[in-house]
C-alpha atoms as a PDB file:
ATOM      1  CA  UNK A   1     142.208 116.054  62.632  1.00  0.00           C
ATOM      2  CA  UNK A   2     139.382 118.595  62.102  1.00  0.00           C
ATOM      3  CA  UNK A   3     140.294 121.248  59.496  1.00  0.00           C
ATOM      4  CA  UNK A   4     137.212 123.465  59.864  1.00  0.00           C
ATOM      5  CA  UNK A   5     136.293 123.159  56.168  1.00  0.00           C
ATOM      6  CA  UNK A   6     132.681 124.114  55.428  1.00  0.00           C
ATOM      7  CA  UNK A   7     130.490 123.750  52.332  1.00  0.00           C
ATOM      8  CA  UNK A   8     130.106 127.041  50.507  1.00  0.00           C
ATOM      9  CA  UNK A   9     126.388 127.298  49.754  1.00  0.00           C
ATOM     10  CA  UNK A  10     126.977 129.887  47.023  1.00  0.00           C
ATOM     11  CA  UNK A  11     129.106 127.371  45.113  1.00  0.00           C
ATOM     12  CA  UNK A  12     126.727 124.447  45.612  1.00  0.00           C
ATOM     13  CA  UNK A  13     124.253 123.392  42.943  1.00  0.00           C
ATOM     14  CA  UNK A  14     122.121 120.381  42.086  1.00  0.00           C
ATOM     15  CA  UNK A  15     122.484 118.748  38.659  1.00  0.00           C
ATOM     16  CA  UNK A  16     120.494 116.029  36.929  1.00  0.00           C
ATOM     17  CA  UNK A  17     122.227 112.762  36.122  1.00  0.00           C
ATOM     18  CA  UNK A  18     121.638 113.177  32.372  1.00  0.00           C
ATOM     19  CA  UNK A  19     122.958 116.765  32.288  1.00  0.00           C
ATOM     20  CA  UNK A  20     126.596 117.671  31.893  1.00  0.00           C
ATOM     21  CA  UNK A  21     128.122 117.787  35.361  1.00  0.00           C
ATOM     22  CA  UNK A  22     131.264 119.877  35.571  1.00  0.00           C
ATOM     23  CA  UNK A  23     133.529 120.770  38.455  1.00  0.00           C
ATOM     24  CA  UNK A  24     136.445 123.220  38.186  1.00  0.00           C
ATOM     25  CA  UNK A  25     136.247 123.003  34.395  1.00  0.00           C
ATOM     26  CA  UNK A  26     136.206 119.187  34.239  1.00  0.00           C
ATOM     27  CA  UNK A  27     133.244 117.047  33.205  1.00  0.00           C
ATOM     28  CA  UNK A  28     132.610 114.362  35.851  1.00  0.00           C
ATOM     29  CA  UNK A  29     129.552 112.426  34.621  1.00  0.00           C
ATOM     30  CA  UNK A  30     130.835 108.920  33.842  1.00  0.00           C
ATOM     31  CA  UNK A  31     134.529 109.690  34.187  1.00  0.00           C
ATOM     32  CA  UNK A  32     136.696 112.764  34.484  1.00  0.00           C
ATOM     33  CA  UNK A  33     136.951 114.434  31.108  1.00  0.00           C
ATOM     34  CA  UNK A  34     137.703 117.690  29.306  1.00  0.00           C
ATOM     35  CA  UNK A  35     134.869 119.931  28.151  1.00  0.00           C
ATOM     36  CA  UNK A  36     134.218 119.543  24.432  1.00  0.00           C
ATOM     37  CA  UNK A  37     134.445 123.301  23.905  1.00  0.00           C
ATOM     38  CA  UNK A  38     137.907 123.356  25.470  1.00  0.00           C
ATOM     39  CA  UNK A  39     139.146 120.613  23.140  1.00  0.00           C
ATOM     40  CA  UNK A  40     137.638 122.363  20.133  1.00  0.00           C
ATOM     41  CA  UNK A  41     139.292 125.689  21.020  1.00  0.00           C
ATOM     42  CA  UNK A  42     142.697 124.060  21.506  1.00  0.00           C
ATOM     43  CA  UNK A  43     142.430 122.236  18.161  1.00  0.00           C
ATOM     44  CA  UNK A  44     141.555 125.544  16.499  1.00  0.00           C
ATOM     45  CA  UNK A  45     144.634 127.171  18.067  1.00  0.00           C
ATOM     46  CA  UNK A  46     146.851 124.351  16.831  1.00  0.00           C
ATOM     47  CA  UNK A  47     145.378 124.581  13.320  1.00  0.00           C
ATOM     48  CA  UNK A  48     145.974 128.338  13.227  1.00  0.00           C
ATOM     49  CA  UNK A  49     149.555 127.825  14.399  1.00  0.00           C
ATOM     50  CA  UNK A  50     150.262 125.327  11.615  1.00  0.00           C
ATOM     51  CA  UNK A  51     148.733 127.562   8.942  1.00  0.00           C
ATOM     52  CA  UNK A  52     149.960 131.010   9.989  1.00  0.00           C
ATOM     53  CA  UNK A  53     152.630 130.568  12.645  1.00  0.00           C
ATOM     54  CA  UNK A  54     150.557 132.153  15.415  1.00  0.00           C
ATOM     55  CA  UNK A  55     147.234 131.879  17.236  1.00  0.00           C
ATOM     56  CA  UNK A  56     145.117 133.866  19.675  1.00  0.00           C
ATOM     57  CA  UNK A  57     143.611 133.108  23.062  1.00  0.00           C
ATOM     58  CA  UNK A  58     142.063 134.834  26.032  1.00  0.00           C
ATOM     59  CA  UNK A  59     144.907 135.377  28.462  1.00  0.00           C
ATOM     60  CA  UNK A  60     146.035 137.733  31.219  1.00  0.00           C
ATOM     61  CA  UNK A  61     147.078 141.210  30.102  1.00  0.00           C
ATOM     62  CA  UNK A  62     148.399 143.798  32.557  1.00  0.00           C
ATOM     63  CA  UNK A  63     147.744 147.469  31.829  1.00  0.00           C
ATOM     64  CA  UNK A  64     148.315 150.335  34.257  1.00  0.00           C
ATOM     65  CA  UNK A  65     148.790 147.886  37.097  1.00  0.00           C
ATOM     66  CA  UNK A  66     145.547 146.007  36.411  1.00  0.00           C
ATOM     67  CA  UNK A  67     145.363 142.482  35.010  1.00  0.00           C
ATOM     68  CA  UNK A  68     142.432 141.486  32.812  1.00  0.00           C
ATOM     69  CA  UNK A  69     141.646 138.667  30.403  1.00  0.00           C
ATOM     70  CA  UNK A  70     141.854 139.801  26.801  1.00  0.00           C
ATOM     71  CA  UNK A  71     142.132 138.204  23.378  1.00  0.00           C
ATOM     72  CA  UNK A  72     145.813 138.298  22.486  1.00  0.00           C
ATOM     73  CA  UNK A  73     148.479 136.317  20.656  1.00  0.00           C
ATOM     74  CA  UNK A  74     149.336 133.119  22.495  1.00  0.00           C
ATOM     75  CA  UNK A  75     152.737 131.569  23.134  1.00  0.00           C
ATOM     76  CA  UNK A  76     153.955 128.063  22.363  1.00  0.00           C
ATOM     77  CA  UNK A  77     154.369 127.403  26.078  1.00  0.00           C
ATOM     78  CA  UNK A  78     150.722 128.289  26.718  1.00  0.00           C
ATOM     79  CA  UNK A  79     149.529 125.989  23.948  1.00  0.00           C
ATOM     80  CA  UNK A  80     151.860 123.245  25.136  1.00  0.00           C
ATOM     81  CA  UNK A  81     150.344 123.555  28.608  1.00  0.00           C
ATOM     82  CA  UNK A  82     146.817 123.138  27.254  1.00  0.00           C
ATOM     83  CA  UNK A  83     147.770 120.116  25.175  1.00  0.00           C
ATOM     84  CA  UNK A  84     149.581 118.601  28.146  1.00  0.00           C
ATOM     85  CA  UNK A  85     146.507 119.104  30.331  1.00  0.00           C
ATOM     86  CA  UNK A  86     144.285 117.324  27.811  1.00  0.00           C
ATOM     87  CA  UNK A  87     146.821 114.535  27.433  1.00  0.00           C
ATOM     88  CA  UNK A  88     147.078 114.054  31.203  1.00  0.00           C
ATOM     89  CA  UNK A  89     143.319 113.497  31.490  1.00  0.00           C
ATOM     90  CA  UNK A  90     143.263 111.215  28.438  1.00  0.00           C
ATOM     91  CA  UNK A  91     146.110 109.077  29.755  1.00  0.00           C
ATOM     92  CA  UNK A  92     144.302 108.766  33.087  1.00  0.00           C
ATOM     93  CA  UNK A  93     141.131 107.664  31.290  1.00  0.00           C
ATOM     94  CA  UNK A  94     143.059 105.221  29.158  1.00  0.00           C
ATOM     95  CA  UNK A  95     143.955 103.365  32.333  1.00  0.00           C
ATOM     96  CA  UNK A  96     140.381 103.139  33.649  1.00  0.00           C
ATOM     97  CA  UNK A  97     138.139 102.633  30.602  1.00  0.00           C
ATOM     98  CA  UNK A  98     137.296  99.208  29.205  1.00  0.00           C
ATOM     99  CA  UNK A  99     139.427  98.213  26.221  1.00  0.00           C
ATOM    100  CA  UNK A 100     136.362  97.888  23.992  1.00  0.00           C
ATOM    101  CA  UNK A 101     134.902 101.233  25.030  1.00  0.00           C
ATOM    102  CA  UNK A 102     135.936 104.092  22.786  1.00  0.00           C
ATOM    103  CA  UNK A 103     139.301 102.391  22.254  1.00  0.00           C
ATOM    104  CA  UNK A 104     140.318 104.644  19.349  1.00  0.00           C
ATOM    105  CA  UNK A 105     139.849 108.011  21.034  1.00  0.00           C
ATOM    106  CA  UNK A 106     143.261 108.189  22.717  1.00  0.00           C
ATOM    107  CA  UNK A 107     145.441 107.798  19.570  1.00  0.00           C
ATOM    108  CA  UNK A 108     143.220 110.287  17.712  1.00  0.00           C
ATOM    109  CA  UNK A 109     143.611 112.949  20.374  1.00  0.00           C
ATOM    110  CA  UNK A 110     147.313 112.269  20.825  1.00  0.00           C
ATOM    111  CA  UNK A 111     147.895 112.980  17.129  1.00  0.00           C
ATOM    112  CA  UNK A 112     147.226 116.706  17.633  1.00  0.00           C
ATOM    113  CA  UNK A 113     149.755 116.834  20.467  1.00  0.00           C
ATOM    114  CA  UNK A 114     152.256 114.878  18.361  1.00  0.00           C
ATOM    115  CA  UNK A 115     151.962 117.271  15.418  1.00  0.00           C
ATOM    116  CA  UNK A 116     152.437 120.209  17.768  1.00  0.00           C
ATOM    117  CA  UNK A 117     155.683 118.739  19.127  1.00  0.00           C
ATOM    118  CA  UNK A 118     156.960 118.086  15.611  1.00  0.00           C
ATOM    119  CA  UNK A 119     156.106 121.650  14.605  1.00  0.00           C
ATOM    120  CA  UNK A 120     157.708 123.254  17.672  1.00  0.00           C
ATOM    121  CA  UNK A 121     160.709 120.999  18.251  1.00  0.00           C
ATOM    122  CA  UNK A 122     161.749 120.086  14.690  1.00  0.00           C
ATOM    123  CA  UNK A 123     160.001 122.147  11.999  1.00  0.00           C
ATOM    124  CA  UNK A 124     160.483 125.597  13.586  1.00  0.00           C
ATOM    125  CA  UNK A 125     163.327 124.733  15.957  1.00  0.00           C
ATOM    126  CA  UNK A 126     165.526 127.688  16.955  1.00  0.00           C
ATOM    127  CA  UNK A 127     168.605 125.459  17.149  1.00  0.00           C
ATOM    128  CA  UNK A 128     169.882 122.480  15.167  1.00  0.00           C
ATOM    129  CA  UNK A 129     168.453 119.340  16.781  1.00  0.00           C
ATOM    130  CA  UNK A 130     170.276 116.030  17.238  1.00  0.00           C
ATOM    131  CA  UNK A 131     167.987 113.038  17.738  1.00  0.00           C
ATOM    132  CA  UNK A 132     169.881 109.991  19.013  1.00  0.00           C
ATOM    133  CA  UNK A 133     168.984 106.346  19.483  1.00  0.00           C
ATOM    134  CA  UNK A 134     169.169 106.477  23.266  1.00  0.00           C
ATOM    135  CA  UNK A 135     169.678 108.730  26.279  1.00  0.00           C
ATOM    136  CA  UNK A 136     173.322 107.776  26.835  1.00  0.00           C
ATOM    137  CA  UNK A 137     174.322 109.210  23.444  1.00  0.00           C
ATOM    138  CA  UNK A 138     173.255 112.676  24.633  1.00  0.00           C
ATOM    139  CA  UNK A 139     175.591 112.419  27.620  1.00  0.00           C
ATOM    140  CA  UNK A 140     178.557 111.449  25.450  1.00  0.00           C
ATOM    141  CA  UNK A 141     178.016 114.131  22.818  1.00  0.00           C
ATOM    142  CA  UNK A 142     177.373 116.915  25.340  1.00  0.00           C
ATOM    143  CA  UNK A 143     180.642 116.344  27.148  1.00  0.00           C
ATOM    144  CA  UNK A 144     182.591 115.731  23.944  1.00  0.00           C
ATOM    145  CA  UNK A 145     181.490 119.102  22.564  1.00  0.00           C
ATOM    146  CA  UNK A 146     182.251 120.901  25.817  1.00  0.00           C
ATOM    147  CA  UNK A 147     185.738 119.445  25.911  1.00  0.00           C
ATOM    148  CA  UNK A 148     186.476 120.710  22.381  1.00  0.00           C
ATOM    149  CA  UNK A 149     184.424 123.890  22.279  1.00  0.00           C
ATOM    150  CA  UNK A 150     187.106 125.933  20.496  1.00  0.00           C
ATOM    151  CA  UNK A 151     187.421 123.300  17.790  1.00  0.00           C
ATOM    152  CA  UNK A 152     183.697 123.225  16.949  1.00  0.00           C
ATOM    153  CA  UNK A 153     182.247 126.764  16.902  1.00  0.00           C
ATOM    154  CA  UNK A 154     179.145 125.503  15.080  1.00  0.00           C
ATOM    155  CA  UNK A 155     178.290 123.327  18.073  1.00  0.00           C
ATOM    156  CA  UNK A 156     179.161 125.436  21.116  1.00  0.00           C
ATOM    157  CA  UNK A 157     180.577 128.700  22.385  1.00  0.00           C
ATOM    158  CA  UNK A 158     181.970 130.077  25.636  1.00  0.00           C
ATOM    159  CA  UNK A 159     179.671 132.338  27.638  1.00  0.00           C
ATOM    160  CA  UNK A 160     180.751 135.394  29.622  1.00  0.00           C
ATOM    161  CA  UNK A 161     181.783 133.161  32.531  1.00  0.00           C
ATOM    162  CA  UNK A 162     183.943 130.959  30.326  1.00  0.00           C
ATOM    163  CA  UNK A 163     181.535 128.022  30.388  1.00  0.00           C
ATOM    164  CA  UNK A 164     180.704 126.074  27.230  1.00  0.00           C
ATOM    165  CA  UNK A 165     177.174 126.702  25.971  1.00  0.00           C
ATOM    166  CA  UNK A 166     175.821 124.290  23.377  1.00  0.00           C
ATOM    167  CA  UNK A 167     174.473 125.795  20.146  1.00  0.00           C
ATOM    168  CA  UNK A 168     172.580 122.612  19.317  1.00  0.00           C
ATOM    169  CA  UNK A 169     169.742 120.833  21.084  1.00  0.00           C
ATOM    170  CA  UNK A 170     170.290 117.233  22.122  1.00  0.00           C
ATOM    171  CA  UNK A 171     166.718 116.002  22.108  1.00  0.00           C
ATOM    172  CA  UNK A 172     165.603 114.231  25.291  1.00  0.00           C
ATOM    173  CA  UNK A 173     162.678 111.855  25.049  1.00  0.00           C
ATOM    174  CA  UNK A 174     163.515 108.560  26.793  1.00  0.00           C
ATOM    175  CA  UNK A 175     161.149 107.602  29.630  1.00  0.00           C
ATOM    176  CA  UNK A 176     159.019 110.712  29.103  1.00  0.00           C
ATOM    177  CA  UNK A 177     155.639 111.764  27.760  1.00  0.00           C
ATOM    178  CA  UNK A 178     157.473 113.216  24.776  1.00  0.00           C
ATOM    179  CA  UNK A 179     158.791 109.772  23.836  1.00  0.00           C
ATOM    180  CA  UNK A 180     155.295 108.325  24.161  1.00  0.00           C
ATOM    181  CA  UNK A 181     153.579 111.066  22.156  1.00  0.00           C
ATOM    182  CA  UNK A 182     156.168 110.953  19.335  1.00  0.00           C
ATOM    183  CA  UNK A 183     156.163 107.120  19.443  1.00  0.00           C
ATOM    184  CA  UNK A 184     159.915 107.148  20.020  1.00  0.00           C
ATOM    185  CA  UNK A 185     159.491 105.194  23.264  1.00  0.00           C
ATOM    186  CA  UNK A 186     162.947 104.814  24.853  1.00  0.00           C
ATOM    187  CA  UNK A 187     164.780 104.916  21.532  1.00  0.00           C
ATOM    188  CA  UNK A 188     166.156 102.372  19.115  1.00  0.00           C
ATOM    189  CA  UNK A 189     166.473 102.203  15.343  1.00  0.00           C
ATOM    190  CA  UNK A 190     163.008 100.715  14.774  1.00  0.00           C
ATOM    191  CA  UNK A 191     161.282 103.692  16.414  1.00  0.00           C
ATOM    192  CA  UNK A 192     163.527 106.170  14.598  1.00  0.00           C
ATOM    193  CA  UNK A 193     162.575 104.422  11.366  1.00  0.00           C
ATOM    194  CA  UNK A 194     158.874 105.111  11.983  1.00  0.00           C
ATOM    195  CA  UNK A 195     159.666 108.717  12.823  1.00  0.00           C
ATOM    196  CA  UNK A 196     161.600 109.206   9.573  1.00  0.00           C
ATOM    197  CA  UNK A 197     158.837 107.560   7.519  1.00  0.00           C
ATOM    198  CA  UNK A 198     156.195 109.922   8.908  1.00  0.00           C
ATOM    199  CA  UNK A 199     158.245 113.127   8.990  1.00  0.00           C
ATOM    200  CA  UNK A 200     157.496 114.351   5.465  1.00  0.00           C
ATOM    201  CA  UNK A 201     153.789 113.577   5.767  1.00  0.00           C
ATOM    202  CA  UNK A 202     153.601 115.327   9.137  1.00  0.00           C
ATOM    203  CA  UNK A 203     155.405 118.482   8.023  1.00  0.00           C
ATOM    204  CA  UNK A 204     153.591 118.731   4.669  1.00  0.00           C
ATOM    205  CA  UNK A 205     150.595 119.993   6.633  1.00  0.00           C
ATOM    206  CA  UNK A 206     152.516 122.997   7.965  1.00  0.00           C
ATOM    207  CA  UNK A 207     152.091 126.171   5.913  1.00  0.00           C
ATOM    208  CA  UNK A 208     153.824 128.448   8.428  1.00  0.00           C
ATOM    209  CA  UNK A 209     157.509 129.273   7.765  1.00  0.00           C
ATOM    210  CA  UNK A 210     159.991 126.797   9.169  1.00  0.00           C
ATOM    211  CA  UNK A 211     162.873 124.436   8.345  1.00  0.00           C
ATOM    212  CA  UNK A 212     165.520 127.030   9.226  1.00  0.00           C
ATOM    213  CA  UNK A 213     167.619 124.575  11.240  1.00  0.00           C
ATOM    214  CA  UNK A 214     168.427 120.909  10.572  1.00  0.00           C
ATOM    215  CA  UNK A 215     167.063 117.868  12.364  1.00  0.00           C
ATOM    216  CA  UNK A 216     169.880 115.316  12.605  1.00  0.00           C
ATOM    217  CA  UNK A 217     169.117 111.660  13.323  1.00  0.00           C
ATOM    218  CA  UNK A 218     172.269 110.053  14.710  1.00  0.00           C
ATOM    219  CA  UNK A 219     172.558 106.256  14.765  1.00  0.00           C
ATOM    220  CA  UNK A 220     175.121 103.506  15.357  1.00  0.00           C
ATOM    221  CA  UNK A 221     176.734 102.229  12.163  1.00  0.00           C
ATOM    222  CA  UNK A 222     176.245  98.539  12.927  1.00  0.00           C
ATOM    223  CA  UNK A 223     173.821  95.704  12.138  1.00  0.00           C
ATOM    224  CA  UNK A 224     171.108  97.513  14.092  1.00  0.00           C
ATOM    225  CA  UNK A 225     171.127 100.313  11.505  1.00  0.00           C
ATOM    226  CA  UNK A 226     169.187  98.243   8.961  1.00  0.00           C
ATOM    227  CA  UNK A 227     165.733  99.697   9.785  1.00  0.00           C
ATOM    228  CA  UNK A 228     166.972 103.271   9.341  1.00  0.00           C
ATOM    229  CA  UNK A 229     168.926 102.454   6.181  1.00  0.00           C
ATOM    230  CA  UNK A 230     165.912 100.743   4.615  1.00  0.00           C
ATOM    231  CA  UNK A 231     163.654 103.784   4.978  1.00  0.00           C
ATOM    232  CA  UNK A 232     166.371 106.211   3.828  1.00  0.00           C
ATOM    233  CA  UNK A 233     166.958 104.066   0.732  1.00  0.00           C
ATOM    234  CA  UNK A 234     163.271 104.345  -0.122  1.00  0.00           C
ATOM    235  CA  UNK A 235     163.397 108.129   0.186  1.00  0.00           C
ATOM    236  CA  UNK A 236     166.772 108.515  -1.549  1.00  0.00           C
ATOM    237  CA  UNK A 237     167.331 105.495  -3.843  1.00  0.00           C
ATOM    238  CA  UNK A 238     170.307 107.190  -5.513  1.00  0.00           C
ATOM    239  CA  UNK A 239     172.135 107.229  -2.166  1.00  0.00           C
ATOM    240  CA  UNK A 240     171.820 103.523  -1.341  1.00  0.00           C
ATOM    241  CA  UNK A 241     175.567 102.864  -1.255  1.00  0.00           C
ATOM    242  CA  UNK A 242     176.396 106.081   0.603  1.00  0.00           C
ATOM    243  CA  UNK A 243     174.200 105.988   3.709  1.00  0.00           C
ATOM    244  CA  UNK A 244     176.759 104.237   5.896  1.00  0.00           C
ATOM    245  CA  UNK A 245     179.889 105.567   4.168  1.00  0.00           C
ATOM    246  CA  UNK A 246     179.205 109.285   3.796  1.00  0.00           C
ATOM    247  CA  UNK A 247     179.305 111.644   6.794  1.00  0.00           C
ATOM    248  CA  UNK A 248     175.592 112.318   6.316  1.00  0.00           C
ATOM    249  CA  UNK A 249     172.636 111.816   3.992  1.00  0.00           C
ATOM    250  CA  UNK A 250     169.902 114.372   3.408  1.00  0.00           C
ATOM    251  CA  UNK A 251     166.539 112.589   3.532  1.00  0.00           C
ATOM    252  CA  UNK A 252     163.832 115.227   3.117  1.00  0.00           C
ATOM    253  CA  UNK A 253     163.282 118.897   4.014  1.00  0.00           C
ATOM    254  CA  UNK A 254     165.461 119.627   7.078  1.00  0.00           C
ATOM    255  CA  UNK A 255     165.892 115.957   8.062  1.00  0.00           C
ATOM    256  CA  UNK A 256     169.352 114.366   7.819  1.00  0.00           C
ATOM    257  CA  UNK A 257     170.794 111.063   9.012  1.00  0.00           C
ATOM    258  CA  UNK A 258     174.319 110.728  10.388  1.00  0.00           C
ATOM    259  CA  UNK A 259     175.881 107.293  11.011  1.00  0.00           C
ATOM    260  CA  UNK A 260     178.713 106.918  13.487  1.00  0.00           C
ATOM    261  CA  UNK A 261     181.931 107.153  11.408  1.00  0.00           C
ATOM    262  CA  UNK A 262     183.905 103.990  10.698  1.00  0.00           C
ATOM    263  CA  UNK A 263     187.401 103.592  12.027  1.00  0.00           C
ATOM    264  CA  UNK A 264     190.056 102.522   9.474  1.00  0.00           C
ATOM    265  CA  UNK A 265     189.760  98.801   8.777  1.00  0.00           C
ATOM    266  CA  UNK A 266     186.385  98.470  10.539  1.00  0.00           C
ATOM    267  CA  UNK A 267     183.033  97.670   8.917  1.00  0.00           C
ATOM    268  CA  UNK A 268     180.891  98.688  11.879  1.00  0.00           C
ATOM    269  CA  UNK A 269     180.962 101.244  14.672  1.00  0.00           C
ATOM    270  CA  UNK A 270     178.986 102.367  17.716  1.00  0.00           C
ATOM    271  CA  UNK A 271     179.298 105.625  19.595  1.00  0.00           C
ATOM    272  CA  UNK A 272     181.035 103.896  22.521  1.00  0.00           C
ATOM    273  CA  UNK A 273     183.882 102.952  20.139  1.00  0.00           C
ATOM    274  CA  UNK A 274     185.060 106.579  20.197  1.00  0.00           C
ATOM    275  CA  UNK A 275     186.261 106.334  23.798  1.00  0.00           C
ATOM    276  CA  UNK A 276     189.848 105.285  24.416  1.00  0.00           C
ATOM    277  CA  UNK A 277     190.677 101.871  25.859  1.00  0.00           C
ATOM    278  CA  UNK A 278     191.513 103.272  29.301  1.00  0.00           C
ATOM    279  CA  UNK A 279     188.067 104.860  29.673  1.00  0.00           C
ATOM    280  CA  UNK A 280     186.266 101.754  28.472  1.00  0.00           C
ATOM    281  CA  UNK A 281     188.286  99.655  30.951  1.00  0.00           C
ATOM    282  CA  UNK A 282     187.047 101.611  33.993  1.00  0.00           C
ATOM    283  CA  UNK A 283     185.862  99.295  36.757  1.00  0.00           C
ATOM    284  CA  UNK A 284     182.663 100.210  38.626  1.00  0.00           C
ATOM    285  CA  UNK A 285     181.570  98.183  41.610  1.00  0.00           C
ATOM    286  CA  UNK A 286     183.903  95.391  40.676  1.00  0.00           C
ATOM    287  CA  UNK A 287     182.389  95.144  37.192  1.00  0.00           C
ATOM    288  CA  UNK A 288     183.743  96.057  33.745  1.00  0.00           C
ATOM    289  CA  UNK A 289     181.929  97.819  30.949  1.00  0.00           C
ATOM    290  CA  UNK A 290     180.088  95.988  28.163  1.00  0.00           C
ATOM    291  CA  UNK A 291     177.910  97.564  25.488  1.00  0.00           C
ATOM    292  CA  UNK A 292     176.283  94.234  24.634  1.00  0.00           C
ATOM    293  CA  UNK A 293     172.598  93.807  25.460  1.00  0.00           C
ATOM    294  CA  UNK A 294     173.108  90.199  26.549  1.00  0.00           C
ATOM    295  CA  UNK A 295     176.154  90.808  28.770  1.00  0.00           C
ATOM    296  CA  UNK A 296     176.439  88.977  32.090  1.00  0.00           C
ATOM    297  CA  UNK A 297     175.198  91.502  34.652  1.00  0.00           C
ATOM    298  CA  UNK A 298     177.146  89.816  37.437  1.00  0.00           C
ATOM    299  CA  UNK A 299     180.389  90.716  35.668  1.00  0.00           C
ATOM    300  CA  UNK A 300     179.581  93.747  33.540  1.00  0.00           C
ATOM    301  CA  UNK A 301     177.755  97.064  33.767  1.00  0.00           C
ATOM    302  CA  UNK A 302     175.913  98.614  30.836  1.00  0.00           C
ATOM    303  CA  UNK A 303     175.707 101.865  28.895  1.00  0.00           C
ATOM    304  CA  UNK A 304     173.702 103.904  31.395  1.00  0.00           C
ATOM    305  CA  UNK A 305     176.135 103.213  34.250  1.00  0.00           C
ATOM    306  CA  UNK A 306     179.004 103.964  31.856  1.00  0.00           C
ATOM    307  CA  UNK A 307     177.449 107.325  30.970  1.00  0.00           C
ATOM    308  CA  UNK A 308     176.435 108.364  34.488  1.00  0.00           C
ATOM    309  CA  UNK A 309     179.185 106.826  36.631  1.00  0.00           C
ATOM    310  CA  UNK A 310     182.182 107.023  34.303  1.00  0.00           C
ATOM    311  CA  UNK A 311     181.728 109.713  31.636  1.00  0.00           C
ATOM    312  CA  UNK A 312     179.707 112.448  33.368  1.00  0.00           C
ATOM    313  CA  UNK A 313     181.724 112.733  36.620  1.00  0.00           C
ATOM    314  CA  UNK A 314     185.100 112.427  34.857  1.00  0.00           C
ATOM    315  CA  UNK A 315     184.376 114.456  31.732  1.00  0.00           C
ATOM    316  CA  UNK A 316     187.126 117.019  32.411  1.00  0.00           C
ATOM    317  CA  UNK A 317     189.841 114.363  32.331  1.00  0.00           C
ATOM    318  CA  UNK A 318     188.497 111.993  29.657  1.00  0.00           C
ATOM    319  CA  UNK A 319     190.052 111.997  26.199  1.00  0.00           C
ATOM    320  CA  UNK A 320     187.262 112.810  23.705  1.00  0.00           C
ATOM    321  CA  UNK A 321     189.435 113.125  20.594  1.00  0.00           C
ATOM    322  CA  UNK A 322     187.888 109.949  19.211  1.00  0.00           C
ATOM    323  CA  UNK A 323     184.651 111.930  18.771  1.00  0.00           C
ATOM    324  CA  UNK A 324     186.220 114.412  16.344  1.00  0.00           C
ATOM    325  CA  UNK A 325     184.997 112.672  13.134  1.00  0.00           C
ATOM    326  CA  UNK A 326     181.445 112.416  14.506  1.00  0.00           C
ATOM    327  CA  UNK A 327     181.329 116.068  15.575  1.00  0.00           C
ATOM    328  CA  UNK A 328     182.739 117.025  12.178  1.00  0.00           C
ATOM    329  CA  UNK A 329     179.817 115.217  10.523  1.00  0.00           C
ATOM    330  CA  UNK A 330     177.291 117.083  12.667  1.00  0.00           C
ATOM    331  CA  UNK A 331     178.998 120.412  11.931  1.00  0.00           C
ATOM    332  CA  UNK A 332     178.986 119.621   8.227  1.00  0.00           C
ATOM    333  CA  UNK A 333     175.235 119.069   8.275  1.00  0.00           C
ATOM    334  CA  UNK A 334     174.678 122.401  10.020  1.00  0.00           C
ATOM    335  CA  UNK A 335     176.784 124.324   7.502  1.00  0.00           C
ATOM    336  CA  UNK A 336     175.294 122.519   4.510  1.00  0.00           C
ATOM    337  CA  UNK A 337     171.745 123.154   5.637  1.00  0.00           C
ATOM    338  CA  UNK A 338     172.494 126.813   6.341  1.00  0.00           C
ATOM    339  CA  UNK A 339     173.691 127.261   2.755  1.00  0.00           C
ATOM    340  CA  UNK A 340     170.619 125.499   1.402  1.00  0.00           C
ATOM    341  CA  UNK A 341     168.236 127.539   3.526  1.00  0.00           C
ATOM    342  CA  UNK A 342     169.826 130.861   2.646  1.00  0.00           C
ATOM    343  CA  UNK A 343     170.053 130.134  -1.066  1.00  0.00           C
ATOM    344  CA  UNK A 344     168.036 132.034  -3.622  1.00  0.00           C
ATOM    345  CA  UNK A 345     165.717 129.040  -4.221  1.00  0.00           C
ATOM    346  CA  UNK A 346     161.979 129.434  -3.704  1.00  0.00           C
ATOM    347  CA  UNK A 347     160.419 128.071  -0.445  1.00  0.00           C
ATOM    348  CA  UNK A 348     159.052 125.045  -2.304  1.00  0.00           C
ATOM    349  CA  UNK A 349     162.457 124.232  -3.764  1.00  0.00           C
ATOM    350  CA  UNK A 350     164.147 124.639  -0.383  1.00  0.00           C
ATOM    351  CA  UNK A 351     161.901 121.968   1.061  1.00  0.00           C
ATOM    352  CA  UNK A 352     162.364 119.409  -1.704  1.00  0.00           C
ATOM    353  CA  UNK A 353     165.826 119.925  -3.155  1.00  0.00           C
ATOM    354  CA  UNK A 354     168.365 117.687  -1.384  1.00  0.00           C
ATOM    355  CA  UNK A 355     171.695 119.059  -0.305  1.00  0.00           C
ATOM    356  CA  UNK A 356     174.657 117.542  -2.090  1.00  0.00           C
ATOM    357  CA  UNK A 357     177.608 116.330  -0.089  1.00  0.00           C
ATOM    358  CA  UNK A 358     180.669 118.555  -0.307  1.00  0.00           C
END
């Protein structure tokens, strides 16, 4: 079908092969790429943000009904958009370049984006953040809090329409660019271990004010917890025997770890253990629930189906009282960190002095 498109002669130009060829702001010589000046400017913005807490850029400003481009203070969303644009092009190139050609450039460029996410989402977070091992944990905790909103005012409140509004952020990263950039992948204790190891080093480079709210790493208190326990023991050797027994352990700065509480007489626990037997016995498609990774799929369904087909649609009638000890642990972290942050200690002391357990 003819669309009547015509070449605009005023926008047509000839360029030599060895000159930089750019189209709509993209360099298109050997492969699609970002202009070097653009990358440099974005890195400078990120550096200014880390050092001072703000940055400037040329952006639209409306005065007396007219919009012009002026140098003004930028927003985190604007900087996130620029970093995402660069990342999108880099990821595309990563799929088309030869493995031996410039193989190190992607991780190097991703590191700036990663540090930005850590700064925005954890270091200067406006709400306490809960970082879980997998996406199903977020579903459980969200509905558990909503069902007991009056019991946990640190975690949620009722809005003007009587709906529960969470006062914490359940961090979503599974199957997303965020999970890739932060190297959290789709979750698991081994990836959380790497995150914990690097957290102090990453945040040491931030001079801007932060750490007002806690970052809470929540993990199952079972054999799979060994990677997380090993790194916490290195950071807090005096707490070696308390990591799995105490409601929480302060690791460094605003980072805390919270294991799923143990039931009386049990040596291990997972978050699915907090549901009552009737909920766990729900049949879906002729199959029963199993939280084992090696379960027979012809007979059992797994955690994601349990979260999406059983918990989410039936949240108003499910008994969440088994989650009370876990939510108490999260609330305790929030209150403890608030006291530490508001204490009379100097900024340096606030970042290095661990909170003691009540």
